[in-house]
Amino acid sequence: MTAHPEPWFLPEIHDLHPGMQDRLEALIDLFPPVARGRIAFSIVPDWQGKAPLDAHPRFADRLRALPGTAVLHGYTHSLGPSLADWFFYGHDNRSEFRNLDADEAARRIDLGQTMLTRVMGAAPRWFCAPRWQQSAATGPVLRARGFRGFMTTRGITLFDGRTVALPALNFDEGERGWKIALAALPRRPRLMAIPRARKPFRFVLHPGDLDHPFLIREIRTLSARLIDGGWTARGLDEVAA
C-alpha cells in the first residue's frame, strides 16, 4: 500500500512594523500550534517612511527572538498617495516595487537589507514585494545581492533556477468594508476546498485581519480543519530545500 504524503502549508505574516507590535502575538496564535515556529515573517524596515525599525528597540528585540524566517518586505511598503488606491483600498499606493527601475529597486533593497542586517543580526535571504507586485528589474538586483529567491502570489522563485508552485491564501483587501466583503465571496469555496484537496499552500495573515471578526472566524475555522486533517507546517528554508 502506498502511503499518502502528509499535507503541509507555509505560514506567513506580512507587514511587520512597530505600529503592529501589539497584534503580533494574536496573529501568531491564529495559526495551528504546529505552524508557530515556522512562520515566514515579512518585515518592513521603515513603514511608510515614518517608522524605522532601528528607532524601536523593543520591537527589534521581539523580531530577533521570533522563531521562523525573516523576509525583506520592501522598504517603506509605499509609493505615495494614489486616488485609485484610496478609492479601492482606503490608503496610499502600497505596491512599492511594482514599477521600479533597477536603480530605484537597488536603492530601496540596499536600504532595507542594511536595516534588517543591523536589526536582526544577519542579512535577509528572502524577498517578498509589497502586494506581491514586483518589477522585472527587481529580480536581478536581488540575485546580485545574495538573496536565495523571492515570493509571488503563485509560489517561490529560487535563483538556482527552480520555482516552487505554492499559491497564497490571503485575507487582506485594504480598509474598504465593501471590498473586504466582496473578496470574501470567492474565497469561501477555496477555504472549504483546501482541507479536502490536501495540496500545499501558503497561509498568509496581515495585521488588519484582526479588525474584522468574520475574518478571524474564517482563519480559526481553517486552522481547526488543518489540525483535524493532520496537516503540518514547513518553514521557508524547508520548502526551498
Protein backbone atom coordinates (compact mmCIF):
# COMPACT_ATOMS: atom_id res chain seq x y z
CA MET A 1 0.00 0.00 0.00
CA THR A 2 1.34 3.45 -0.97
CA ALA A 3 1.43 5.94 1.89
CA HIS A 4 -0.10 9.33 1.16
CA PRO A 5 2.26 12.24 1.88
CA GLU A 6 1.40 14.37 4.88
CA PRO A 7 -0.29 17.60 3.70
CA TRP A 8 1.56 20.80 4.58
CA PHE A 9 1.42 24.58 4.32
CA LEU A 10 3.78 27.53 4.69
CA PRO A 11 2.62 30.04 7.35
CA GLU A 12 3.33 33.74 6.72
CA ILE A 13 2.71 37.03 8.49
CA HIS A 14 3.13 40.18 6.42
CA ASP A 15 3.63 43.86 7.23
CA LEU A 16 5.65 43.55 10.42
CA HIS A 17 6.38 47.09 11.62
CA PRO A 18 6.48 48.83 15.01
CA GLY A 19 2.86 50.01 14.80
CA MET A 20 1.54 46.44 14.76
CA GLN A 21 3.60 45.20 17.71
CA ASP A 22 0.52 44.72 19.91
CA ARG A 23 -1.03 42.48 17.22
CA LEU A 24 1.88 40.16 16.64
CA GLU A 25 1.12 37.56 19.32
CA ALA A 26 -2.57 37.43 18.34
CA LEU A 27 -1.63 36.77 14.71
CA ILE A 28 0.81 34.03 15.66
CA ASP A 29 -1.85 32.40 17.84
CA LEU A 30 -4.30 32.20 14.91
CA PHE A 31 -2.10 29.56 13.28
CA PRO A 32 -2.26 25.89 14.30
CA PRO A 33 0.33 25.14 17.01
CA VAL A 34 2.42 23.11 14.55
CA ALA A 35 3.00 26.27 12.49
CA ARG A 36 4.04 28.76 15.14
CA GLY A 37 7.76 28.00 14.99
CA ARG A 38 7.94 28.00 11.18
CA ILE A 39 6.40 31.32 10.19
CA ALA A 40 7.91 33.43 7.40
CA PHE A 41 7.84 36.99 8.80
CA SER A 42 7.73 39.67 6.09
CA ILE A 43 9.30 42.73 7.73
CA VAL A 44 9.02 46.34 6.51
CA PRO A 45 12.23 48.19 7.51
CA ASP A 46 10.71 51.71 7.54
CA TRP A 47 6.90 51.54 7.39
CA GLN A 48 5.52 54.45 5.33
CA GLY A 49 8.89 56.16 5.70
CA LYS A 50 7.94 57.04 9.29
CA ALA A 51 8.81 54.01 11.44
CA PRO A 52 12.43 52.81 11.04
CA LEU A 53 12.99 49.57 12.91
CA ASP A 54 16.23 50.74 14.50
CA ALA A 55 14.31 53.53 16.26
CA HIS A 56 12.12 50.98 18.03
CA PRO A 57 14.46 48.75 20.07
CA ARG A 58 11.69 46.89 21.93
CA PHE A 59 10.11 45.76 18.69
CA ALA A 60 13.54 44.95 17.22
CA ASP A 61 14.24 42.72 20.22
CA ARG A 62 10.96 40.86 19.61
CA LEU A 63 11.80 40.38 15.93
CA ARG A 64 15.17 38.85 16.78
CA ALA A 65 13.50 36.41 19.16
CA LEU A 66 10.96 35.14 16.63
CA PRO A 67 11.35 31.52 15.56
CA GLY A 68 10.99 31.26 11.81
CA THR A 69 12.39 33.12 8.81
CA ALA A 70 12.85 36.86 8.26
CA VAL A 71 11.77 38.12 4.84
CA LEU A 72 12.52 41.60 3.48
CA HIS A 73 9.14 43.10 2.58
CA GLY A 74 10.03 46.18 0.54
CA TYR A 75 11.44 49.20 2.32
CA THR A 76 8.52 51.52 3.14
CA HIS A 77 5.67 49.47 1.58
CA SER A 78 4.52 52.67 -0.15
CA LEU A 79 4.81 54.59 -3.39
CA GLY A 80 2.90 57.57 -2.04
CA PRO A 81 -0.66 58.90 -2.49
CA SER A 82 -2.91 57.42 -5.17
CA LEU A 83 -6.53 58.33 -5.89
CA ALA A 84 -7.32 54.86 -7.24
CA ASP A 85 -5.79 53.14 -4.22
CA TRP A 86 -7.63 55.49 -1.87
CA PHE A 87 -10.93 54.60 -3.55
CA PHE A 88 -10.42 50.83 -3.68
CA TYR A 89 -8.31 50.24 -0.57
CA GLY A 90 -8.69 53.31 1.65
CA HIS A 91 -4.98 54.14 1.73
CA ASP A 92 -1.90 55.03 -0.33
CA ASN A 93 -0.33 53.01 -3.15
CA ARG A 94 1.14 50.05 -1.28
CA SER A 95 2.61 48.37 -4.42
CA GLU A 96 6.06 49.74 -3.68
CA PHE A 97 8.06 47.63 -6.17
CA ARG A 98 5.55 47.26 -9.00
CA ASN A 99 7.14 49.69 -11.47
CA LEU A 100 10.62 50.35 -10.13
CA ASP A 101 13.62 50.51 -12.45
CA ALA A 102 16.86 48.78 -11.48
CA ASP A 103 18.40 51.85 -9.83
CA GLU A 104 15.43 52.62 -7.60
CA ALA A 105 14.87 48.95 -6.79
CA ALA A 106 18.54 48.67 -5.81
CA ARG A 107 18.35 51.79 -3.64
CA ARG A 108 15.36 50.52 -1.66
CA ILE A 109 16.67 46.97 -1.39
CA ASP A 110 20.05 48.22 -0.15
CA LEU A 111 18.39 50.40 2.48
CA GLY A 112 16.14 47.56 3.58
CA GLN A 113 18.89 44.96 3.61
CA THR A 114 21.14 47.24 5.66
CA MET A 115 18.38 47.92 8.18
CA LEU A 116 17.40 44.28 8.60
CA THR A 117 21.01 43.18 8.89
CA ARG A 118 21.56 45.73 11.66
CA VAL A 119 18.34 44.90 13.50
CA MET A 120 18.27 41.12 13.02
CA GLY A 121 21.99 40.43 13.17
CA ALA A 122 22.03 38.70 9.77
CA ALA A 123 21.27 39.67 6.19
CA PRO A 124 17.83 38.62 4.89
CA ARG A 125 17.91 35.83 2.31
CA TRP A 126 14.35 36.16 1.04
CA PHE A 127 12.28 38.96 -0.51
CA CYS A 128 8.54 39.47 -0.86
CA ALA A 129 7.45 42.58 -2.72
CA PRO A 130 4.57 44.50 -1.12
CA ARG A 131 1.30 43.21 -2.58
CA TRP A 132 3.46 40.59 -4.35
CA GLN A 133 3.89 43.10 -7.20
CA GLN A 134 7.49 43.16 -8.38
CA SER A 135 9.03 44.83 -11.42
CA ALA A 136 11.14 42.82 -13.87
CA ALA A 137 14.17 44.89 -12.85
CA THR A 138 13.94 43.80 -9.21
CA GLY A 139 14.86 40.14 -9.64
CA PRO A 140 18.40 40.70 -10.97
CA VAL A 141 19.06 43.18 -8.15
CA LEU A 142 18.04 40.60 -5.55
CA ARG A 143 20.20 37.94 -7.17
CA ALA A 144 23.23 40.25 -7.22
CA ARG A 145 22.81 40.93 -3.51
CA GLY A 146 22.83 37.30 -2.48
CA PHE A 147 19.13 36.59 -1.92
CA ARG A 148 18.01 32.97 -2.34
CA GLY A 149 14.78 33.96 -4.05
CA PHE A 150 11.54 35.88 -3.90
CA MET A 151 7.87 35.17 -3.27
CA THR A 152 4.87 35.81 -5.52
CA THR A 153 1.18 35.01 -5.13
CA ARG A 154 1.72 31.79 -7.08
CA GLY A 155 4.84 30.49 -5.42
CA ILE A 156 8.53 30.94 -4.73
CA THR A 157 11.14 31.74 -7.37
CA LEU A 158 14.62 30.50 -6.47
CA PHE A 159 17.79 31.87 -8.00
CA ASP A 160 19.11 28.34 -8.50
CA GLY A 161 16.62 28.02 -11.37
CA ARG A 162 13.76 26.29 -9.57
CA THR A 163 10.23 27.53 -9.00
CA VAL A 164 8.08 26.12 -6.20
CA ALA A 165 4.37 26.28 -7.03
CA LEU A 166 2.74 27.37 -3.78
CA PRO A 167 -0.35 29.60 -4.06
CA ALA A 168 -1.02 32.17 -1.35
CA LEU A 169 -4.28 32.26 0.58
CA ASN A 170 -4.70 35.90 1.59
CA PHE A 171 -7.40 37.68 3.62
CA ASP A 172 -6.20 41.29 3.30
CA GLU A 173 -8.14 43.61 0.97
CA GLY A 174 -7.32 47.01 2.41
CA GLU A 175 -9.64 49.11 4.55
CA ARG A 176 -12.82 49.45 2.46
CA GLY A 177 -15.59 47.38 4.03
CA TRP A 178 -17.38 46.78 0.72
CA LYS A 179 -14.23 45.44 -0.92
CA ILE A 180 -13.42 43.20 2.04
CA ALA A 181 -16.96 41.77 1.91
CA LEU A 182 -16.85 41.21 -1.86
CA ALA A 183 -13.47 39.45 -1.67
CA ALA A 184 -14.85 37.02 0.90
CA LEU A 185 -17.35 35.56 -1.58
CA PRO A 186 -14.90 33.83 -3.96
CA ARG A 187 -12.59 32.92 -1.07
CA ARG A 188 -15.16 30.83 0.83
CA PRO A 189 -15.28 27.92 -1.67
CA ARG A 190 -11.49 27.84 -1.59
CA LEU A 191 -11.49 27.71 2.21
CA MET A 192 -13.73 24.65 2.01
CA ALA A 193 -11.68 23.02 -0.76
CA ILE A 194 -8.20 23.39 0.76
CA PRO A 195 -8.55 20.79 3.54
CA ARG A 196 -10.06 18.30 1.07
CA ALA A 197 -7.54 18.87 -1.72
CA ARG A 198 -4.59 18.37 0.65
CA LYS A 199 -2.31 20.35 -1.68
CA PRO A 200 0.45 22.61 -0.29
CA PHE A 201 -0.39 26.31 0.02
CA ARG A 202 0.70 29.47 1.82
CA PHE A 203 -1.43 30.59 4.77
CA VAL A 204 -0.93 34.39 4.86
CA LEU A 205 -2.04 36.77 7.60
CA HIS A 206 -1.88 40.59 7.85
CA PRO A 207 -2.31 42.86 10.89
CA GLY A 208 -5.57 44.27 9.52
CA ASP A 209 -7.17 40.83 9.53
CA LEU A 210 -7.72 41.29 13.26
CA ASP A 211 -10.06 44.24 12.62
CA HIS A 212 -12.78 42.02 11.15
CA PRO A 213 -14.46 39.37 13.33
CA PHE A 214 -15.68 37.38 10.32
CA LEU A 215 -12.11 37.10 9.03
CA ILE A 216 -10.93 35.89 12.42
CA ARG A 217 -13.68 33.24 12.33
CA GLU A 218 -12.64 32.16 8.83
CA ILE A 219 -8.99 31.88 9.87
CA ARG A 220 -9.77 29.96 13.05
CA THR A 221 -12.10 27.60 11.19
CA LEU A 222 -9.43 26.85 8.60
CA SER A 223 -6.81 26.33 11.32
CA ALA A 224 -9.10 23.85 13.07
CA ARG A 225 -9.72 21.93 9.85
CA LEU A 226 -5.99 21.73 9.19
CA ILE A 227 -5.42 20.36 12.69
CA ASP A 228 -8.22 17.81 12.26
CA GLY A 229 -6.81 16.80 8.87
CA GLY A 230 -3.32 16.11 10.17
CA TRP A 231 -1.67 18.97 8.29
CA THR A 232 1.83 20.06 9.21
CA ALA A 233 3.76 23.26 8.50
CA ARG A 234 7.05 23.82 6.71
CA GLY A 235 9.34 26.80 7.06
CA LEU A 236 10.55 28.80 4.10
CA ASP A 237 14.03 27.26 4.07
CA GLU A 238 12.49 23.78 4.33
CA VAL A 239 10.30 24.48 1.31
CA ALA A 240 13.27 25.74 -0.70
CA ALA A 241 15.29 22.64 0.20
